[in-house]
Amino acid sequence: MTYRVCFVCTGNICRSPMAESVFRARVAEAGLDGLVEADSAGTGGWHEGDPADPRTVSVLEEHGYDSDHTARQFQPSWFARLDLVIALDAGHLKALRRLAPSPQDAAKVRLLRSYDPAAGDDLDVPDPYYGAMDGFEECLEMVEAASTGLLTAVREQVEGQPV
């Protein structure tokens, strides 16, 4: 059975595609390809059909990550097929929990940085869209740091599932 994770930010062109790309790389490195799938979406549809922001693409490629992406809007019906929905900030967390059709679905929504023990109480990944390139670099650092803990949590779920 495939374990499915969806990363969600506002427009699905900066933070969530970055998190998706990094996490997919971690999944592949861990040998979990085929057992874990990752994708991403936005809480809004403003950029639906657009590629990732060129600054996101640049930072991802500079650090050796895949940058192929097309933006889309998160749909409440997706909860049924997802095991985990990863919000990039508290606003996304609230929006996604409101969209959840059931309390069980709402419980699937978590903040990405909650998987980074060094994050402390600041669990938001700041939106780099209106800033300079250093914001995209900072975003990648936060995503990479949290992806390690997220992979550990997902691996525990996958290895605990009957084959």
N, C-alpha and C. Protein backbone atom coordinates (compact mmCIF):
# COMPACT_ATOMS: atom_id res chain seq x y z
N MET A 1 0.84 -1.18 0.00
CA MET A 1 0.00 0.00 0.00
C MET A 1 0.89 1.25 0.00
N THR A 2 0.61 2.18 -0.86
CA THR A 2 1.40 3.40 -0.98
C THR A 2 0.97 4.44 0.05
N TYR A 3 1.95 5.04 0.72
CA TYR A 3 1.71 6.10 1.69
C TYR A 3 1.80 7.42 0.93
N ARG A 4 0.76 8.25 1.04
CA ARG A 4 0.68 9.47 0.23
C ARG A 4 0.74 10.73 1.10
N VAL A 5 1.65 11.65 0.69
CA VAL A 5 1.86 12.90 1.40
C VAL A 5 1.65 14.05 0.42
N CYS A 6 0.92 15.08 0.85
CA CYS A 6 0.73 16.27 0.02
C CYS A 6 1.17 17.50 0.82
N PHE A 7 2.06 18.29 0.23
CA PHE A 7 2.55 19.53 0.84
C PHE A 7 1.70 20.68 0.32
N VAL A 8 1.28 21.58 1.22
CA VAL A 8 0.37 22.65 0.82
C VAL A 8 0.85 24.00 1.32
N CYS A 9 0.93 24.98 0.40
CA CYS A 9 1.17 26.38 0.75
C CYS A 9 0.06 27.21 0.11
N THR A 10 0.30 28.47 -0.12
CA THR A 10 -0.77 29.35 -0.62
C THR A 10 -1.04 29.15 -2.11
N GLY A 11 -0.03 29.40 -2.93
CA GLY A 11 -0.24 29.36 -4.37
C GLY A 11 0.37 28.17 -5.08
N ASN A 12 1.11 27.33 -4.36
CA ASN A 12 1.75 26.14 -4.90
C ASN A 12 2.80 26.46 -5.97
N ILE A 13 3.54 27.56 -5.74
CA ILE A 13 4.64 27.86 -6.67
C ILE A 13 5.97 28.09 -5.96
N CYS A 14 5.98 28.19 -4.62
CA CYS A 14 7.23 28.44 -3.89
C CYS A 14 7.51 27.35 -2.86
N ARG A 15 6.87 27.46 -1.72
CA ARG A 15 7.19 26.59 -0.59
C ARG A 15 6.78 25.13 -0.79
N SER A 16 5.55 24.89 -1.18
CA SER A 16 5.10 23.49 -1.28
C SER A 16 5.80 22.72 -2.39
N PRO A 17 6.07 23.31 -3.57
CA PRO A 17 6.82 22.53 -4.55
C PRO A 17 8.26 22.27 -4.09
N MET A 18 8.81 23.21 -3.32
CA MET A 18 10.15 23.02 -2.78
C MET A 18 10.14 21.84 -1.80
N ALA A 19 9.15 21.81 -0.91
CA ALA A 19 9.04 20.72 0.06
C ALA A 19 8.80 19.39 -0.64
N GLU A 20 7.96 19.40 -1.65
CA GLU A 20 7.69 18.17 -2.42
C GLU A 20 8.97 17.64 -3.03
N SER A 21 9.74 18.50 -3.66
CA SER A 21 10.96 18.09 -4.34
C SER A 21 12.00 17.53 -3.36
N VAL A 22 12.18 18.23 -2.25
CA VAL A 22 13.15 17.79 -1.23
C VAL A 22 12.71 16.45 -0.64
N PHE A 23 11.43 16.34 -0.30
CA PHE A 23 10.96 15.11 0.31
C PHE A 23 11.04 13.93 -0.66
N ARG A 24 10.72 14.15 -1.92
CA ARG A 24 10.86 13.08 -2.91
C ARG A 24 12.30 12.59 -2.98
N ALA A 25 13.23 13.52 -2.93
CA ALA A 25 14.65 13.14 -2.95
C ALA A 25 15.00 12.31 -1.71
N ARG A 26 14.48 12.70 -0.55
CA ARG A 26 14.74 11.95 0.69
C ARG A 26 14.14 10.55 0.61
N VAL A 27 12.94 10.46 0.06
CA VAL A 27 12.28 9.16 -0.12
C VAL A 27 13.11 8.26 -1.02
N ALA A 28 13.60 8.80 -2.12
CA ALA A 28 14.44 8.02 -3.04
C ALA A 28 15.73 7.58 -2.36
N GLU A 29 16.38 8.49 -1.65
CA GLU A 29 17.63 8.16 -0.94
C GLU A 29 17.40 7.05 0.08
N ALA A 30 16.22 7.02 0.69
CA ALA A 30 15.90 6.03 1.71
C ALA A 30 15.45 4.70 1.12
N GLY A 31 15.34 4.64 -0.22
CA GLY A 31 14.89 3.41 -0.87
C GLY A 31 13.41 3.14 -0.70
N LEU A 32 12.63 4.19 -0.50
CA LEU A 32 11.19 4.04 -0.29
C LEU A 32 10.37 4.38 -1.53
N ASP A 33 11.04 4.56 -2.68
CA ASP A 33 10.30 4.80 -3.93
C ASP A 33 9.29 3.68 -4.13
N GLY A 34 8.10 4.03 -4.56
CA GLY A 34 7.05 3.04 -4.76
C GLY A 34 6.24 2.78 -3.50
N LEU A 35 6.81 3.07 -2.33
CA LEU A 35 6.09 2.91 -1.08
C LEU A 35 5.54 4.23 -0.57
N VAL A 36 6.20 5.33 -0.96
CA VAL A 36 5.81 6.67 -0.52
C VAL A 36 5.71 7.57 -1.74
N GLU A 37 4.62 8.28 -1.87
CA GLU A 37 4.44 9.26 -2.94
C GLU A 37 4.25 10.63 -2.33
N ALA A 38 4.80 11.64 -2.99
CA ALA A 38 4.65 13.02 -2.53
C ALA A 38 4.19 13.91 -3.68
N ASP A 39 3.31 14.83 -3.37
CA ASP A 39 2.92 15.85 -4.34
C ASP A 39 2.65 17.14 -3.56
N SER A 40 2.11 18.14 -4.23
CA SER A 40 1.87 19.41 -3.56
C SER A 40 0.68 20.13 -4.20
N ALA A 41 0.20 21.14 -3.47
CA ALA A 41 -0.94 21.93 -3.95
C ALA A 41 -0.96 23.25 -3.18
N GLY A 42 -1.86 24.12 -3.61
CA GLY A 42 -2.04 25.41 -2.94
C GLY A 42 -3.42 25.51 -2.34
N THR A 43 -3.56 26.35 -1.32
CA THR A 43 -4.89 26.57 -0.75
C THR A 43 -5.77 27.36 -1.71
N GLY A 44 -5.14 28.12 -2.60
CA GLY A 44 -5.86 28.88 -3.61
C GLY A 44 -5.48 28.45 -5.00
N GLY A 45 -6.27 28.87 -5.98
CA GLY A 45 -6.04 28.45 -7.36
C GLY A 45 -5.42 29.52 -8.25
N TRP A 46 -4.85 30.59 -7.66
CA TRP A 46 -4.34 31.72 -8.43
C TRP A 46 -3.31 31.32 -9.47
N HIS A 47 -2.48 30.35 -9.16
CA HIS A 47 -1.38 29.98 -10.05
C HIS A 47 -1.60 28.62 -10.72
N GLU A 48 -2.80 28.09 -10.61
CA GLU A 48 -3.09 26.77 -11.17
C GLU A 48 -2.62 26.67 -12.62
N GLY A 49 -1.86 25.62 -12.91
CA GLY A 49 -1.33 25.40 -14.25
C GLY A 49 0.02 26.05 -14.51
N ASP A 50 0.47 26.91 -13.60
CA ASP A 50 1.77 27.59 -13.76
C ASP A 50 2.91 26.71 -13.26
N PRO A 51 4.11 26.94 -13.78
CA PRO A 51 5.28 26.25 -13.23
C PRO A 51 5.66 26.88 -11.89
N ALA A 52 6.61 26.28 -11.21
CA ALA A 52 7.12 26.86 -9.96
C ALA A 52 7.76 28.21 -10.25
N ASP A 53 7.78 29.07 -9.25
CA ASP A 53 8.44 30.37 -9.34
C ASP A 53 9.88 30.15 -9.81
N PRO A 54 10.39 30.96 -10.75
CA PRO A 54 11.76 30.78 -11.25
C PRO A 54 12.81 30.79 -10.14
N ARG A 55 12.56 31.52 -9.06
CA ARG A 55 13.51 31.54 -7.95
C ARG A 55 13.50 30.21 -7.20
N THR A 56 12.35 29.60 -7.09
CA THR A 56 12.25 28.26 -6.49
C THR A 56 13.02 27.27 -7.34
N VAL A 57 12.79 27.32 -8.64
CA VAL A 57 13.47 26.43 -9.58
C VAL A 57 14.98 26.61 -9.46
N SER A 58 15.43 27.84 -9.44
CA SER A 58 16.86 28.14 -9.35
C SER A 58 17.49 27.55 -8.09
N VAL A 59 16.85 27.77 -6.95
CA VAL A 59 17.38 27.27 -5.67
C VAL A 59 17.36 25.74 -5.65
N LEU A 60 16.29 25.14 -6.13
CA LEU A 60 16.23 23.68 -6.16
C LEU A 60 17.33 23.10 -7.04
N GLU A 61 17.46 23.62 -8.25
CA GLU A 61 18.46 23.09 -9.17
C GLU A 61 19.87 23.31 -8.66
N GLU A 62 20.11 24.46 -8.04
CA GLU A 62 21.42 24.76 -7.48
C GLU A 62 21.83 23.76 -6.40
N HIS A 63 20.84 23.19 -5.73
CA HIS A 63 21.11 22.23 -4.66
C HIS A 63 20.86 20.78 -5.09
N GLY A 64 20.69 20.56 -6.38
CA GLY A 64 20.60 19.21 -6.91
C GLY A 64 19.24 18.55 -6.85
N TYR A 65 18.19 19.34 -6.71
CA TYR A 65 16.84 18.79 -6.64
C TYR A 65 16.11 18.96 -7.97
N ASP A 66 15.14 18.06 -8.20
CA ASP A 66 14.26 18.14 -9.35
C ASP A 66 13.35 19.36 -9.20
N SER A 67 13.08 20.05 -10.30
CA SER A 67 12.26 21.26 -10.22
C SER A 67 11.05 21.24 -11.15
N ASP A 68 10.72 20.07 -11.70
CA ASP A 68 9.57 19.95 -12.60
C ASP A 68 8.29 20.06 -11.77
N HIS A 69 7.43 21.02 -12.09
CA HIS A 69 6.26 21.26 -11.27
C HIS A 69 5.19 22.03 -12.04
N THR A 70 3.93 21.71 -11.76
CA THR A 70 2.78 22.46 -12.25
C THR A 70 1.84 22.70 -11.07
N ALA A 71 1.52 23.95 -10.82
CA ALA A 71 0.69 24.33 -9.66
C ALA A 71 -0.74 23.84 -9.82
N ARG A 72 -1.33 23.53 -8.66
CA ARG A 72 -2.73 23.13 -8.62
C ARG A 72 -3.31 23.49 -7.26
N GLN A 73 -4.61 23.49 -7.17
CA GLN A 73 -5.30 23.85 -5.93
C GLN A 73 -5.73 22.58 -5.19
N PHE A 74 -5.53 22.59 -3.88
CA PHE A 74 -5.93 21.45 -3.04
C PHE A 74 -7.44 21.30 -3.05
N GLN A 75 -7.90 20.06 -3.16
CA GLN A 75 -9.34 19.76 -3.17
C GLN A 75 -9.70 18.92 -1.95
N PRO A 76 -10.78 19.25 -1.25
CA PRO A 76 -11.18 18.48 -0.07
C PRO A 76 -11.34 16.98 -0.34
N SER A 77 -11.74 16.61 -1.54
CA SER A 77 -11.92 15.19 -1.87
C SER A 77 -10.61 14.41 -1.80
N TRP A 78 -9.47 15.10 -1.84
CA TRP A 78 -8.17 14.42 -1.81
C TRP A 78 -7.88 13.80 -0.45
N PHE A 79 -8.52 14.31 0.60
CA PHE A 79 -8.27 13.75 1.93
C PHE A 79 -8.45 12.24 1.95
N ALA A 80 -9.40 11.74 1.19
CA ALA A 80 -9.71 10.31 1.19
C ALA A 80 -8.52 9.46 0.74
N ARG A 81 -7.69 9.99 -0.15
CA ARG A 81 -6.56 9.20 -0.65
C ARG A 81 -5.22 9.56 -0.01
N LEU A 82 -5.21 10.60 0.81
CA LEU A 82 -3.96 11.04 1.43
C LEU A 82 -3.81 10.51 2.85
N ASP A 83 -2.57 10.20 3.21
CA ASP A 83 -2.27 9.76 4.57
C ASP A 83 -1.82 10.92 5.44
N LEU A 84 -1.20 11.92 4.80
CA LEU A 84 -0.66 13.06 5.53
C LEU A 84 -0.73 14.30 4.65
N VAL A 85 -1.19 15.40 5.22
CA VAL A 85 -1.26 16.68 4.51
C VAL A 85 -0.37 17.64 5.30
N ILE A 86 0.68 18.12 4.65
CA ILE A 86 1.69 18.93 5.33
C ILE A 86 1.51 20.40 4.95
N ALA A 87 1.14 21.19 5.96
CA ALA A 87 0.96 22.64 5.79
C ALA A 87 2.29 23.34 6.02
N LEU A 88 2.53 24.41 5.25
CA LEU A 88 3.79 25.13 5.38
C LEU A 88 3.73 26.27 6.38
N ASP A 89 2.52 26.70 6.76
CA ASP A 89 2.43 27.68 7.85
C ASP A 89 1.08 27.53 8.55
N ALA A 90 0.91 28.24 9.66
CA ALA A 90 -0.29 28.11 10.48
C ALA A 90 -1.57 28.49 9.73
N GLY A 91 -1.48 29.45 8.82
CA GLY A 91 -2.65 29.82 8.01
C GLY A 91 -3.11 28.67 7.13
N HIS A 92 -2.16 27.96 6.54
CA HIS A 92 -2.51 26.80 5.70
C HIS A 92 -3.09 25.69 6.57
N LEU A 93 -2.51 25.51 7.75
CA LEU A 93 -2.99 24.48 8.68
C LEU A 93 -4.47 24.72 9.00
N LYS A 94 -4.83 25.95 9.34
CA LYS A 94 -6.22 26.28 9.67
C LYS A 94 -7.13 26.09 8.46
N ALA A 95 -6.69 26.58 7.29
CA ALA A 95 -7.50 26.46 6.08
C ALA A 95 -7.75 24.99 5.72
N LEU A 96 -6.72 24.18 5.83
CA LEU A 96 -6.86 22.76 5.48
C LEU A 96 -7.75 22.02 6.47
N ARG A 97 -7.61 22.33 7.73
CA ARG A 97 -8.46 21.67 8.73
C ARG A 97 -9.92 22.06 8.55
N ARG A 98 -10.17 23.30 8.10
CA ARG A 98 -11.55 23.72 7.80
C ARG A 98 -12.10 22.96 6.60
N LEU A 99 -11.26 22.66 5.64
CA LEU A 99 -11.68 21.93 4.44
C LEU A 99 -11.93 20.45 4.69
N ALA A 100 -11.33 19.93 5.74
CA ALA A 100 -11.40 18.50 6.01
C ALA A 100 -12.84 18.04 6.21
N PRO A 101 -13.26 16.99 5.51
CA PRO A 101 -14.63 16.50 5.61
C PRO A 101 -14.95 15.83 6.95
N SER A 102 -13.92 15.44 7.71
CA SER A 102 -14.16 14.73 8.97
C SER A 102 -13.05 15.06 9.97
N PRO A 103 -13.27 14.79 11.24
CA PRO A 103 -12.20 14.98 12.23
C PRO A 103 -10.97 14.11 11.93
N GLN A 104 -11.21 12.91 11.39
CA GLN A 104 -10.10 12.03 11.03
C GLN A 104 -9.25 12.66 9.93
N ASP A 105 -9.90 13.30 8.97
CA ASP A 105 -9.16 13.98 7.90
C ASP A 105 -8.42 15.19 8.44
N ALA A 106 -9.06 15.94 9.32
CA ALA A 106 -8.40 17.11 9.92
C ALA A 106 -7.15 16.70 10.69
N ALA A 107 -7.17 15.51 11.29
CA ALA A 107 -6.02 15.01 12.05
C ALA A 107 -4.84 14.66 11.15
N LYS A 108 -5.08 14.53 9.85
CA LYS A 108 -3.99 14.24 8.90
C LYS A 108 -3.15 15.47 8.60
N VAL A 109 -3.62 16.65 8.96
CA VAL A 109 -2.94 17.90 8.63
C VAL A 109 -1.93 18.25 9.72
N ARG A 110 -0.69 18.45 9.31
CA ARG A 110 0.39 18.79 10.24
C ARG A 110 1.24 19.90 9.65
N LEU A 111 1.93 20.62 10.52
CA LEU A 111 2.89 21.64 10.07
C LEU A 111 4.23 20.99 9.76
N LEU A 112 4.83 21.35 8.64
CA LEU A 112 6.10 20.76 8.24
C LEU A 112 7.17 20.91 9.32
N ARG A 113 7.31 22.12 9.85
CA ARG A 113 8.40 22.35 10.80
C ARG A 113 8.18 21.68 12.15
N SER A 114 7.01 21.10 12.36
CA SER A 114 6.80 20.32 13.59
C SER A 114 7.67 19.07 13.59
N TYR A 115 8.22 18.72 12.44
CA TYR A 115 9.11 17.57 12.32
C TYR A 115 10.58 17.95 12.50
N ASP A 116 10.84 19.22 12.78
CA ASP A 116 12.21 19.70 13.02
C ASP A 116 12.34 20.08 14.49
N PRO A 117 13.03 19.26 15.28
CA PRO A 117 13.15 19.56 16.71
C PRO A 117 13.85 20.89 16.99
N ALA A 118 14.67 21.36 16.08
CA ALA A 118 15.38 22.63 16.27
C ALA A 118 14.49 23.85 15.99
N ALA A 119 13.29 23.64 15.45
CA ALA A 119 12.41 24.75 15.07
C ALA A 119 11.85 25.48 16.28
N GLY A 120 11.77 24.82 17.42
CA GLY A 120 11.20 25.45 18.61
C GLY A 120 9.72 25.73 18.41
N ASP A 121 9.31 26.94 18.81
CA ASP A 121 7.90 27.32 18.70
C ASP A 121 7.56 27.98 17.36
N ASP A 122 8.56 28.33 16.58
CA ASP A 122 8.35 29.02 15.30
C ASP A 122 8.22 27.98 14.19
N LEU A 123 6.98 27.55 13.93
CA LEU A 123 6.76 26.44 13.01
C LEU A 123 6.36 26.87 11.60
N ASP A 124 6.29 28.15 11.33
CA ASP A 124 5.95 28.62 9.98
C ASP A 124 7.19 28.66 9.09
N VAL A 125 7.01 28.25 7.84
CA VAL A 125 8.03 28.49 6.82
C VAL A 125 7.60 29.80 6.15
N PRO A 126 8.38 30.88 6.32
CA PRO A 126 7.97 32.18 5.77
C PRO A 126 7.84 32.14 4.24
N ASP A 127 6.87 32.87 3.73
CA ASP A 127 6.63 32.95 2.28
C ASP A 127 7.72 33.82 1.65
N PRO A 128 8.54 33.24 0.76
CA PRO A 128 9.61 34.03 0.15
C PRO A 128 9.18 34.83 -1.08
N TYR A 129 7.93 34.67 -1.51
CA TYR A 129 7.46 35.20 -2.80
C TYR A 129 7.75 36.68 -3.00
N TYR A 130 7.51 37.51 -2.00
CA TYR A 130 7.66 38.96 -2.18
C TYR A 130 9.05 39.46 -1.79
N GLY A 131 9.96 38.55 -1.50
CA GLY A 131 11.29 38.94 -1.06
C GLY A 131 12.38 38.63 -2.07
N ALA A 132 13.59 38.66 -1.59
CA ALA A 132 14.78 38.41 -2.42
C ALA A 132 15.15 36.93 -2.40
N MET A 133 16.18 36.58 -3.13
CA MET A 133 16.63 35.19 -3.25
C MET A 133 17.00 34.58 -1.90
N ASP A 134 17.50 35.37 -0.97
CA ASP A 134 17.91 34.79 0.31
C ASP A 134 16.71 34.18 1.05
N GLY A 135 15.51 34.68 0.80
CA GLY A 135 14.30 34.09 1.39
C GLY A 135 14.04 32.69 0.85
N PHE A 136 14.36 32.46 -0.41
CA PHE A 136 14.19 31.14 -1.02
C PHE A 136 15.24 30.17 -0.47
N GLU A 137 16.45 30.67 -0.26
CA GLU A 137 17.51 29.86 0.35
C GLU A 137 17.11 29.47 1.77
N GLU A 138 16.59 30.44 2.53
CA GLU A 138 16.16 30.18 3.90
C GLU A 138 15.02 29.16 3.92
N CYS A 139 14.11 29.29 3.00
CA CYS A 139 13.00 28.35 2.87
C CYS A 139 13.53 26.94 2.64
N LEU A 140 14.49 26.80 1.73
CA LEU A 140 15.06 25.49 1.45
C LEU A 140 15.73 24.91 2.69
N GLU A 141 16.46 25.72 3.43
CA GLU A 141 17.11 25.24 4.65
C GLU A 141 16.08 24.70 5.64
N MET A 142 14.98 25.42 5.82
CA MET A 142 13.93 24.98 6.75
C MET A 142 13.28 23.69 6.27
N VAL A 143 13.03 23.61 4.98
CA VAL A 143 12.40 22.43 4.40
C VAL A 143 13.33 21.22 4.55
N GLU A 144 14.60 21.40 4.26
CA GLU A 144 15.55 20.29 4.39
C GLU A 144 15.63 19.81 5.83
N ALA A 145 15.70 20.74 6.78
CA ALA A 145 15.80 20.37 8.19
C ALA A 145 14.58 19.57 8.64
N ALA A 146 13.40 19.98 8.23
CA ALA A 146 12.17 19.29 8.64
C ALA A 146 11.97 17.97 7.90
N SER A 147 12.50 17.87 6.70
CA SER A 147 12.30 16.66 5.90
C SER A 147 12.92 15.42 6.53
N THR A 148 13.99 15.60 7.28
CA THR A 148 14.63 14.47 7.95
C THR A 148 13.67 13.86 8.96
N GLY A 149 13.09 14.69 9.82
CA GLY A 149 12.13 14.19 10.80
C GLY A 149 10.86 13.65 10.17
N LEU A 150 10.41 14.31 9.12
CA LEU A 150 9.22 13.84 8.41
C LEU A 150 9.47 12.46 7.82
N LEU A 151 10.62 12.27 7.21
CA LEU A 151 10.94 10.96 6.63
C LEU A 151 10.96 9.89 7.71
N THR A 152 11.51 10.20 8.86
CA THR A 152 11.53 9.23 9.97
C THR A 152 10.11 8.85 10.36
N ALA A 153 9.23 9.84 10.49
CA ALA A 153 7.84 9.58 10.86
C ALA A 153 7.11 8.76 9.79
N VAL A 154 7.33 9.11 8.54
CA VAL A 154 6.67 8.38 7.44
C VAL A 154 7.22 6.96 7.35
N ARG A 155 8.53 6.80 7.51
CA ARG A 155 9.13 5.46 7.47
C ARG A 155 8.50 4.57 8.54
N GLU A 156 8.29 5.11 9.74
CA GLU A 156 7.66 4.33 10.82
C GLU A 156 6.26 3.88 10.41
N GLN A 157 5.51 4.76 9.74
CA GLN A 157 4.17 4.41 9.28
C GLN A 157 4.23 3.33 8.18
N VAL A 158 5.14 3.50 7.24
CA VAL A 158 5.25 2.58 6.11
C VAL A 158 5.73 1.21 6.58
N GLU A 159 6.72 1.20 7.45
CA GLU A 159 7.25 -0.08 7.91
C GLU A 159 6.30 -0.78 8.86
N GLY A 160 5.35 -0.04 9.43
CA GLY A 160 4.36 -0.63 10.32
C GLY A 160 3.15 -1.18 9.59
N GLN A 161 3.05 -0.89 8.27
CA GLN A 161 1.91 -1.34 7.48
C GLN A 161 2.13 -2.78 7.02
N PRO A 162 1.08 -3.58 6.98
CA PRO A 162 1.21 -4.94 6.43
C PRO A 162 1.49 -4.89 4.94
N VAL A 163 2.32 -5.79 4.50
CA VAL A 163 2.70 -5.83 3.08
C VAL A 163 1.72 -6.63 2.28
